[in-house]
Amino acid sequence: MTPESKLKEGRLDEALQLLTVEVRNNPADAKRRVFLFQLLALLGQWERAQNQLNISGELEPLNAMMVGAYTEALKGELVRAEVFAGKRLPVVIGEPEQWLALMLQALKLTADGFYEQAAALREQAFEQAAAVSGTIDGIPFDWIADADPRLGPCLEIIVNGGYSWVPFSRLRELKFEAPSDLRDKVWVPVQVTWVNGGRAIGFIPSRYQGSERAGESDLVLARKTDWVEIAADFPVGCGQRMLATDAGDYPLLDVRLIAFDAS
């Protein structure tokens, strides 16, 4: 059996064991190192993933751009974990509005287990946040949100060297390539056009925070989305990120273009 076949079957620990042996037996093989970096990232072993990424760059100079980009993604995951644990606030892109301050307070309360108070703040925030219309792969919508209520009108993004939250109202366009690598199950590359016309390239985490620890491989592999009720009427996402609109729900990895109407 090969690591690839075990991965396809969703037997991730066995895939990691086999691949680790292959790398040990072929230490100068940069491609295997890249594969190991991706698998370790999928499993949330960020430090080990960074180590393999660094070695792949030392073995193959052509990997330098990839090493730089995914080093930022790995750093972003460490910050992201602290944000959802209520230990720090995310960087907010654009001028912070009152509703966003409420969302961040609600996130801290959620992390501390005060679910009712968090729900009340989120409800206020959702009422205050302006609905943003546009199209998603050509299908019109009147509003869009992350399906996870902890995020709602905000999008998680790793851009300009760091992990951030950006309100959908700050965006003009999001353009995605079709997933082609294992690492796309962890972070999907995105071309961003801001509402002011500026552009950037970054990553959107493909999965909800903590999905790397899910017991089901399909959730770890972003093949599906599950909802865990941590309190009454309070579902949080696990597995692949889901975008909600009035026209329907969209798994992130199926989306290619979101165009937002000018406000």
C-alpha atoms as a PDB file:
ATOM      1  CA  MET A   1       0.000   0.000   0.000  1.00  0.00           C
ATOM      2  CA  THR A   2       1.084   3.570  -0.654  1.00  0.00           C
ATOM      3  CA  PRO A   3       0.503   6.794   1.284  1.00  0.00           C
ATOM      4  CA  GLU A   4      -1.613   7.992  -1.649  1.00  0.00           C
ATOM      5  CA  SER A   5      -3.931   4.977  -1.496  1.00  0.00           C
ATOM      6  CA  LYS A   6      -4.309   5.248   2.280  1.00  0.00           C
ATOM      7  CA  LEU A   7      -5.088   8.951   1.893  1.00  0.00           C
ATOM      8  CA  LYS A   8      -7.756   8.202  -0.704  1.00  0.00           C
ATOM      9  CA  GLU A   9      -9.322   5.704   1.704  1.00  0.00           C
ATOM     10  CA  GLY A  10      -9.286   8.326   4.458  1.00  0.00           C
ATOM     11  CA  ARG A  11      -6.847   6.343   6.608  1.00  0.00           C
ATOM     12  CA  LEU A  12      -4.805   9.370   7.506  1.00  0.00           C
ATOM     13  CA  ASP A  13      -2.666   8.015  10.329  1.00  0.00           C
ATOM     14  CA  GLU A  14      -1.611   5.058   8.180  1.00  0.00           C
ATOM     15  CA  ALA A  15      -0.843   7.403   5.282  1.00  0.00           C
ATOM     16  CA  LEU A  16       1.356   9.467   7.605  1.00  0.00           C
ATOM     17  CA  GLN A  17       3.210   6.395   8.857  1.00  0.00           C
ATOM     18  CA  LEU A  18       3.921   5.151   5.335  1.00  0.00           C
ATOM     19  CA  LEU A  19       4.965   8.571   4.064  1.00  0.00           C
ATOM     20  CA  THR A  20       7.247   9.156   7.056  1.00  0.00           C
ATOM     21  CA  VAL A  21       9.056   5.907   6.245  1.00  0.00           C
ATOM     22  CA  GLU A  22       9.363   6.920   2.575  1.00  0.00           C
ATOM     23  CA  VAL A  23      10.867  10.285   3.528  1.00  0.00           C
ATOM     24  CA  ARG A  24      13.256   8.640   5.971  1.00  0.00           C
ATOM     25  CA  ASN A  25      14.403   6.289   3.207  1.00  0.00           C
ATOM     26  CA  ASN A  26      14.617   9.111   0.625  1.00  0.00           C
ATOM     27  CA  PRO A  27      15.712  12.165   2.642  1.00  0.00           C
ATOM     28  CA  ALA A  28      16.773  14.205  -0.407  1.00  0.00           C
ATOM     29  CA  ASP A  29      13.441  13.766  -2.235  1.00  0.00           C
ATOM     30  CA  ALA A  30      11.897  17.253  -2.219  1.00  0.00           C
ATOM     31  CA  LYS A  31       8.561  16.066  -3.655  1.00  0.00           C
ATOM     32  CA  ARG A  32       8.041  13.618  -0.816  1.00  0.00           C
ATOM     33  CA  ARG A  33       8.909  16.387   1.640  1.00  0.00           C
ATOM     34  CA  VAL A  34       6.217  18.606   0.078  1.00  0.00           C
ATOM     35  CA  PHE A  35       3.711  15.760   0.331  1.00  0.00           C
ATOM     36  CA  LEU A  36       4.629  15.259   3.992  1.00  0.00           C
ATOM     37  CA  PHE A  37       4.275  18.992   4.686  1.00  0.00           C
ATOM     38  CA  GLN A  38       0.771  18.899   3.205  1.00  0.00           C
ATOM     39  CA  LEU A  39      -0.297  15.811   5.134  1.00  0.00           C
ATOM     40  CA  LEU A  40       1.039  17.191   8.412  1.00  0.00           C
ATOM     41  CA  ALA A  41      -0.797  20.470   7.766  1.00  0.00           C
ATOM     42  CA  LEU A  42      -3.997  18.549   7.069  1.00  0.00           C
ATOM     43  CA  LEU A  43      -3.605  16.890  10.472  1.00  0.00           C
ATOM     44  CA  GLY A  44      -2.898  20.189  12.229  1.00  0.00           C
ATOM     45  CA  GLN A  45       0.697  19.327  13.084  1.00  0.00           C
ATOM     46  CA  TRP A  46       1.780  22.853  12.209  1.00  0.00           C
ATOM     47  CA  GLU A  47       5.326  22.807  13.603  1.00  0.00           C
ATOM     48  CA  ARG A  48       6.249  19.535  11.903  1.00  0.00           C
ATOM     49  CA  ALA A  49       4.637  20.783   8.695  1.00  0.00           C
ATOM     50  CA  GLN A  50       6.777  23.940   8.816  1.00  0.00           C
ATOM     51  CA  ASN A  51       9.906  21.853   9.278  1.00  0.00           C
ATOM     52  CA  GLN A  52       9.171  19.716   6.210  1.00  0.00           C
ATOM     53  CA  LEU A  53       8.258  22.812   4.201  1.00  0.00           C
ATOM     54  CA  ASN A  54      11.591  24.425   5.095  1.00  0.00           C
ATOM     55  CA  ILE A  55      13.546  21.306   4.123  1.00  0.00           C
ATOM     56  CA  SER A  56      11.695  21.075   0.793  1.00  0.00           C
ATOM     57  CA  GLY A  57      12.872  24.614   0.051  1.00  0.00           C
ATOM     58  CA  GLU A  58      16.462  23.779   0.945  1.00  0.00           C
ATOM     59  CA  LEU A  59      16.399  20.722  -1.331  1.00  0.00           C
ATOM     60  CA  GLU A  60      14.688  22.468  -4.249  1.00  0.00           C
ATOM     61  CA  PRO A  61      15.227  26.233  -4.722  1.00  0.00           C
ATOM     62  CA  LEU A  62      12.227  26.365  -7.077  1.00  0.00           C
ATOM     63  CA  ASN A  63      10.040  25.765  -4.012  1.00  0.00           C
ATOM     64  CA  ALA A  64      11.039  29.130  -2.511  1.00  0.00           C
ATOM     65  CA  MET A  65       7.816  30.953  -3.426  1.00  0.00           C
ATOM     66  CA  MET A  66       5.674  28.105  -2.096  1.00  0.00           C
ATOM     67  CA  VAL A  67       7.709  28.027   1.125  1.00  0.00           C
ATOM     68  CA  GLY A  68       7.170  31.749   1.664  1.00  0.00           C
ATOM     69  CA  ALA A  69       3.435  31.633   1.002  1.00  0.00           C
ATOM     70  CA  TYR A  70       2.682  28.585   3.122  1.00  0.00           C
ATOM     71  CA  THR A  71       4.892  29.737   5.981  1.00  0.00           C
ATOM     72  CA  GLU A  72       2.427  32.627   6.312  1.00  0.00           C
ATOM     73  CA  ALA A  73      -0.490  30.174   6.174  1.00  0.00           C
ATOM     74  CA  LEU A  74       1.031  28.039   8.931  1.00  0.00           C
ATOM     75  CA  LYS A  75       1.679  31.094  11.112  1.00  0.00           C
ATOM     76  CA  GLY A  76      -1.899  32.165  10.463  1.00  0.00           C
ATOM     77  CA  GLU A  77      -3.208  28.898  11.893  1.00  0.00           C
ATOM     78  CA  LEU A  78      -1.426  29.515  15.194  1.00  0.00           C
ATOM     79  CA  VAL A  79      -3.019  32.950  15.488  1.00  0.00           C
ATOM     80  CA  ARG A  80      -6.380  31.559  14.384  1.00  0.00           C
ATOM     81  CA  ALA A  81      -6.387  28.979  17.178  1.00  0.00           C
ATOM     82  CA  GLU A  82      -5.741  31.714  19.744  1.00  0.00           C
ATOM     83  CA  VAL A  83      -8.551  33.847  18.293  1.00  0.00           C
ATOM     84  CA  PHE A  84     -11.124  31.061  18.593  1.00  0.00           C
ATOM     85  CA  ALA A  85      -9.843  30.211  22.067  1.00  0.00           C
ATOM     86  CA  GLY A  86     -10.628  33.790  23.100  1.00  0.00           C
ATOM     87  CA  LYS A  87      -6.982  34.603  23.805  1.00  0.00           C
ATOM     88  CA  ARG A  88      -6.556  37.380  21.240  1.00  0.00           C
ATOM     89  CA  LEU A  89      -8.469  39.428  18.681  1.00  0.00           C
ATOM     90  CA  PRO A  90      -8.015  39.010  14.941  1.00  0.00           C
ATOM     91  CA  VAL A  91      -6.722  41.820  12.780  1.00  0.00           C
ATOM     92  CA  VAL A  92      -9.749  43.438  11.118  1.00  0.00           C
ATOM     93  CA  ILE A  93      -9.422  44.653   7.536  1.00  0.00           C
ATOM     94  CA  GLY A  94     -11.036  48.054   7.087  1.00  0.00           C
ATOM     95  CA  GLU A  95     -12.499  50.434   9.643  1.00  0.00           C
ATOM     96  CA  PRO A  96     -14.006  48.351  12.482  1.00  0.00           C
ATOM     97  CA  GLU A  97     -17.749  48.925  12.791  1.00  0.00           C
ATOM     98  CA  GLN A  98     -19.867  48.557  15.915  1.00  0.00           C
ATOM     99  CA  TRP A  99     -21.462  45.300  14.784  1.00  0.00           C
ATOM    100  CA  LEU A 100     -18.023  43.761  14.285  1.00  0.00           C
ATOM    101  CA  ALA A 101     -17.006  44.724  17.815  1.00  0.00           C
ATOM    102  CA  LEU A 102     -20.113  42.852  18.994  1.00  0.00           C
ATOM    103  CA  MET A 103     -19.101  39.791  16.939  1.00  0.00           C
ATOM    104  CA  LEU A 104     -15.656  39.777  18.529  1.00  0.00           C
ATOM    105  CA  GLN A 105     -17.115  40.135  22.024  1.00  0.00           C
ATOM    106  CA  ALA A 106     -19.472  37.252  21.231  1.00  0.00           C
ATOM    107  CA  LEU A 107     -16.568  35.093  20.084  1.00  0.00           C
ATOM    108  CA  LYS A 108     -14.753  35.655  23.393  1.00  0.00           C
ATOM    109  CA  LEU A 109     -17.918  34.840  25.346  1.00  0.00           C
ATOM    110  CA  THR A 110     -18.371  31.681  23.278  1.00  0.00           C
ATOM    111  CA  ALA A 111     -14.812  30.591  24.017  1.00  0.00           C
ATOM    112  CA  ASP A 112     -15.479  31.155  27.724  1.00  0.00           C
ATOM    113  CA  GLY A 113     -18.724  29.145  27.620  1.00  0.00           C
ATOM    114  CA  PHE A 114     -21.194  32.039  27.981  1.00  0.00           C
ATOM    115  CA  TYR A 115     -23.353  30.924  25.075  1.00  0.00           C
ATOM    116  CA  GLU A 116     -26.580  32.820  25.854  1.00  0.00           C
ATOM    117  CA  GLN A 117     -24.814  36.153  26.239  1.00  0.00           C
ATOM    118  CA  ALA A 118     -22.842  35.450  23.052  1.00  0.00           C
ATOM    119  CA  ALA A 119     -26.042  34.662  21.143  1.00  0.00           C
ATOM    120  CA  ALA A 120     -27.618  37.950  22.246  1.00  0.00           C
ATOM    121  CA  LEU A 121     -24.616  39.959  21.035  1.00  0.00           C
ATOM    122  CA  ARG A 122     -24.500  38.092  17.734  1.00  0.00           C
ATOM    123  CA  GLU A 123     -28.177  38.766  17.154  1.00  0.00           C
ATOM    124  CA  GLN A 124     -27.534  42.487  17.624  1.00  0.00           C
ATOM    125  CA  ALA A 125     -24.557  42.316  15.274  1.00  0.00           C
ATOM    126  CA  PHE A 126     -26.501  40.515  12.542  1.00  0.00           C
ATOM    127  CA  GLU A 127     -29.235  43.173  12.735  1.00  0.00           C
ATOM    128  CA  GLN A 128     -26.696  45.991  12.407  1.00  0.00           C
ATOM    129  CA  ALA A 129     -24.515  44.521   9.645  1.00  0.00           C
ATOM    130  CA  ALA A 130     -25.516  45.673   6.169  1.00  0.00           C
ATOM    131  CA  ALA A 131     -26.591  42.946   3.750  1.00  0.00           C
ATOM    132  CA  VAL A 132     -24.226  42.620   0.785  1.00  0.00           C
ATOM    133  CA  SER A 133     -25.618  41.491  -2.572  1.00  0.00           C
ATOM    134  CA  GLY A 134     -23.819  40.023  -5.573  1.00  0.00           C
ATOM    135  CA  THR A 135     -23.395  36.792  -7.495  1.00  0.00           C
ATOM    136  CA  ILE A 136     -21.762  33.481  -6.625  1.00  0.00           C
ATOM    137  CA  ASP A 137     -20.712  31.594  -9.751  1.00  0.00           C
ATOM    138  CA  GLY A 138     -23.266  33.658 -11.644  1.00  0.00           C
ATOM    139  CA  ILE A 139     -26.177  33.036  -9.255  1.00  0.00           C
ATOM    140  CA  PRO A 140     -27.522  36.265  -7.699  1.00  0.00           C
ATOM    141  CA  PHE A 141     -27.846  36.648  -3.937  1.00  0.00           C
ATOM    142  CA  ASP A 142     -29.246  39.427  -1.754  1.00  0.00           C
ATOM    143  CA  TRP A 143     -27.069  38.551   1.233  1.00  0.00           C
ATOM    144  CA  ILE A 144     -24.115  36.302   2.011  1.00  0.00           C
ATOM    145  CA  ALA A 145     -22.597  35.035   5.247  1.00  0.00           C
ATOM    146  CA  ASP A 146     -20.395  32.318   6.596  1.00  0.00           C
ATOM    147  CA  ALA A 147     -22.817  29.579   7.656  1.00  0.00           C
ATOM    148  CA  ASP A 148     -21.065  29.363  11.036  1.00  0.00           C
ATOM    149  CA  PRO A 149     -22.762  31.919  13.329  1.00  0.00           C
ATOM    150  CA  ARG A 150     -19.452  32.741  15.017  1.00  0.00           C
ATOM    151  CA  LEU A 151     -18.420  34.398  11.732  1.00  0.00           C
ATOM    152  CA  GLY A 152     -21.626  35.378   9.931  1.00  0.00           C
ATOM    153  CA  PRO A 153     -20.976  38.601   7.952  1.00  0.00           C
ATOM    154  CA  CYS A 154     -17.186  38.107   8.201  1.00  0.00           C
ATOM    155  CA  LEU A 155     -14.688  36.049   6.247  1.00  0.00           C
ATOM    156  CA  GLU A 156     -11.510  34.540   7.691  1.00  0.00           C
ATOM    157  CA  ILE A 157      -8.529  35.255   5.463  1.00  0.00           C
ATOM    158  CA  ILE A 158      -4.749  34.980   5.594  1.00  0.00           C
ATOM    159  CA  VAL A 159      -3.431  37.903   3.575  1.00  0.00           C
ATOM    160  CA  ASN A 160      -0.597  40.442   3.655  1.00  0.00           C
ATOM    161  CA  GLY A 161       1.362  38.193   5.980  1.00  0.00           C
ATOM    162  CA  GLY A 162      -1.279  37.598   8.633  1.00  0.00           C
ATOM    163  CA  TYR A 163      -4.577  36.102   9.762  1.00  0.00           C
ATOM    164  CA  SER A 164      -7.496  38.536   9.576  1.00  0.00           C
ATOM    165  CA  TRP A 165     -11.250  38.917   9.528  1.00  0.00           C
ATOM    166  CA  VAL A 166     -12.778  40.949   6.721  1.00  0.00           C
ATOM    167  CA  PRO A 167     -16.439  41.968   6.472  1.00  0.00           C
ATOM    168  CA  PHE A 168     -18.024  40.895   3.190  1.00  0.00           C
ATOM    169  CA  SER A 169     -18.906  44.583   2.722  1.00  0.00           C
ATOM    170  CA  ARG A 170     -15.171  45.326   2.231  1.00  0.00           C
ATOM    171  CA  LEU A 171     -14.922  43.011  -0.774  1.00  0.00           C
ATOM    172  CA  ARG A 172     -15.518  43.556  -4.475  1.00  0.00           C
ATOM    173  CA  GLU A 173     -14.492  40.114  -5.775  1.00  0.00           C
ATOM    174  CA  LEU A 174     -13.122  36.747  -4.654  1.00  0.00           C
ATOM    175  CA  LYS A 175     -11.668  34.452  -7.311  1.00  0.00           C
ATOM    176  CA  PHE A 176     -10.724  30.832  -6.623  1.00  0.00           C
ATOM    177  CA  GLU A 177      -8.948  28.137  -8.624  1.00  0.00           C
ATOM    178  CA  ALA A 178     -10.269  24.580  -8.537  1.00  0.00           C
ATOM    179  CA  PRO A 179      -8.572  22.582  -5.744  1.00  0.00           C
ATOM    180  CA  SER A 180      -5.694  20.554  -7.163  1.00  0.00           C
ATOM    181  CA  ASP A 181      -3.455  19.695  -4.191  1.00  0.00           C
ATOM    182  CA  LEU A 182      -3.858  18.263  -0.728  1.00  0.00           C
ATOM    183  CA  ARG A 183      -2.925  21.624   0.798  1.00  0.00           C
ATOM    184  CA  ASP A 184      -6.019  23.154  -0.848  1.00  0.00           C
ATOM    185  CA  LYS A 185      -8.049  21.113   1.645  1.00  0.00           C
ATOM    186  CA  VAL A 186      -6.409  23.226   4.360  1.00  0.00           C
ATOM    187  CA  TRP A 187      -6.141  26.650   2.699  1.00  0.00           C
ATOM    188  CA  VAL A 188      -7.700  27.621  -0.613  1.00  0.00           C
ATOM    189  CA  PRO A 189      -5.739  30.284  -2.557  1.00  0.00           C
ATOM    190  CA  VAL A 190      -7.813  33.350  -3.379  1.00  0.00           C
ATOM    191  CA  GLN A 191      -7.392  36.454  -5.515  1.00  0.00           C
ATOM    192  CA  VAL A 192      -9.039  39.335  -3.669  1.00  0.00           C
ATOM    193  CA  THR A 193     -10.285  42.626  -5.028  1.00  0.00           C
ATOM    194  CA  TRP A 194     -11.114  45.043  -2.216  1.00  0.00           C
ATOM    195  CA  VAL A 195     -14.018  47.445  -2.419  1.00  0.00           C
ATOM    196  CA  ASN A 196     -11.542  50.309  -3.048  1.00  0.00           C
ATOM    197  CA  GLY A 197     -10.154  48.524  -6.122  1.00  0.00           C
ATOM    198  CA  GLY A 198      -6.938  47.281  -4.508  1.00  0.00           C
ATOM    199  CA  ARG A 199      -5.911  43.667  -5.033  1.00  0.00           C
ATOM    200  CA  ALA A 200      -4.186  40.980  -3.021  1.00  0.00           C
ATOM    201  CA  ILE A 201      -3.458  37.267  -3.083  1.00  0.00           C
ATOM    202  CA  GLY A 202      -4.064  35.212   0.026  1.00  0.00           C
ATOM    203  CA  PHE A 203      -5.649  32.116   1.507  1.00  0.00           C
ATOM    204  CA  ILE A 204      -9.004  31.318   3.033  1.00  0.00           C
ATOM    205  CA  PRO A 205      -8.943  28.423   5.507  1.00  0.00           C
ATOM    206  CA  SER A 206     -10.892  25.664   3.760  1.00  0.00           C
ATOM    207  CA  ARG A 207     -12.095  24.148   7.021  1.00  0.00           C
ATOM    208  CA  TYR A 208     -13.529  25.447  10.241  1.00  0.00           C
ATOM    209  CA  GLN A 209     -11.027  25.956  13.031  1.00  0.00           C
ATOM    210  CA  GLY A 210     -10.278  22.744  14.904  1.00  0.00           C
ATOM    211  CA  SER A 211     -11.450  20.458  12.071  1.00  0.00           C
ATOM    212  CA  GLU A 212      -7.994  18.889  11.979  1.00  0.00           C
ATOM    213  CA  ARG A 213      -8.934  17.188  15.266  1.00  0.00           C
ATOM    214  CA  ALA A 214     -12.232  15.765  13.984  1.00  0.00           C
ATOM    215  CA  GLY A 215     -12.676  12.041  14.463  1.00  0.00           C
ATOM    216  CA  GLU A 216     -14.020  11.515  10.946  1.00  0.00           C
ATOM    217  CA  SER A 217     -11.537  11.632   8.067  1.00  0.00           C
ATOM    218  CA  ASP A 218     -14.069  13.167   5.651  1.00  0.00           C
ATOM    219  CA  LEU A 219     -14.222  16.216   7.937  1.00  0.00           C
ATOM    220  CA  VAL A 220     -10.438  16.447   8.195  1.00  0.00           C
ATOM    221  CA  LEU A 221     -10.199  16.125   4.395  1.00  0.00           C
ATOM    222  CA  ALA A 222     -12.830  18.863   3.887  1.00  0.00           C
ATOM    223  CA  ARG A 223     -15.020  16.404   1.983  1.00  0.00           C
ATOM    224  CA  LYS A 224     -18.072  17.339   4.032  1.00  0.00           C
ATOM    225  CA  THR A 225     -19.404  19.773   6.627  1.00  0.00           C
ATOM    226  CA  ASP A 226     -20.928  18.833   9.959  1.00  0.00           C
ATOM    227  CA  TRP A 227     -22.586  20.988  12.581  1.00  0.00           C
ATOM    228  CA  VAL A 228     -21.989  20.511  16.293  1.00  0.00           C
ATOM    229  CA  GLU A 229     -24.524  22.036  18.690  1.00  0.00           C
ATOM    230  CA  ILE A 230     -22.385  23.374  21.517  1.00  0.00           C
ATOM    231  CA  ALA A 231     -25.543  24.874  23.068  1.00  0.00           C
ATOM    232  CA  ALA A 232     -29.242  25.109  22.220  1.00  0.00           C
ATOM    233  CA  ASP A 233     -29.682  26.606  18.735  1.00  0.00           C
ATOM    234  CA  PHE A 234     -25.939  27.232  18.487  1.00  0.00           C
ATOM    235  CA  PRO A 235     -24.353  25.053  15.799  1.00  0.00           C
ATOM    236  CA  VAL A 236     -20.663  25.483  14.986  1.00  0.00           C
ATOM    237  CA  GLY A 237     -19.034  24.176  11.838  1.00  0.00           C
ATOM    238  CA  CYS A 238     -16.649  21.275  11.449  1.00  0.00           C
ATOM    239  CA  GLY A 239     -15.086  20.226   8.160  1.00  0.00           C
ATOM    240  CA  GLN A 240     -15.364  22.219   4.947  1.00  0.00           C
ATOM    241  CA  ARG A 241     -16.377  25.886   5.227  1.00  0.00           C
ATOM    242  CA  MET A 242     -19.884  26.633   4.020  1.00  0.00           C
ATOM    243  CA  LEU A 243     -21.126  29.954   2.659  1.00  0.00           C
ATOM    244  CA  ALA A 244     -24.805  30.750   3.135  1.00  0.00           C
ATOM    245  CA  THR A 245     -26.900  33.000   0.870  1.00  0.00           C
ATOM    246  CA  ASP A 246     -30.603  33.575   0.366  1.00  0.00           C
ATOM    247  CA  ALA A 247     -30.196  31.554  -2.868  1.00  0.00           C
ATOM    248  CA  GLY A 248     -28.701  28.510  -1.113  1.00  0.00           C
ATOM    249  CA  ASP A 249     -25.613  27.204   0.651  1.00  0.00           C
ATOM    250  CA  TYR A 250     -22.256  26.674  -1.067  1.00  0.00           C
ATOM    251  CA  PRO A 251     -19.305  24.517   0.043  1.00  0.00           C
ATOM    252  CA  LEU A 252     -16.258  26.783  -0.277  1.00  0.00           C
ATOM    253  CA  LEU A 253     -14.210  24.404  -2.433  1.00  0.00           C
ATOM    254  CA  ASP A 254     -16.986  24.326  -5.063  1.00  0.00           C
ATOM    255  CA  VAL A 255     -16.964  28.120  -5.497  1.00  0.00           C
ATOM    256  CA  ARG A 256     -14.937  29.808  -8.249  1.00  0.00           C
ATOM    257  CA  LEU A 257     -16.091  33.457  -8.302  1.00  0.00           C
ATOM    258  CA  ILE A 258     -17.965  35.712  -5.914  1.00  0.00           C
ATOM    259  CA  ALA A 259     -18.678  39.187  -7.278  1.00  0.00           C
ATOM    260  CA  PHE A 260     -20.117  41.747  -4.874  1.00  0.00           C
ATOM    261  CA  ASP A 261     -22.319  44.622  -5.979  1.00  0.00           C
ATOM    262  CA  ALA A 262     -20.909  48.099  -5.495  1.00  0.00           C
ATOM    263  CA  SER A 263     -22.385  49.648  -2.374  1.00  0.00           C
END
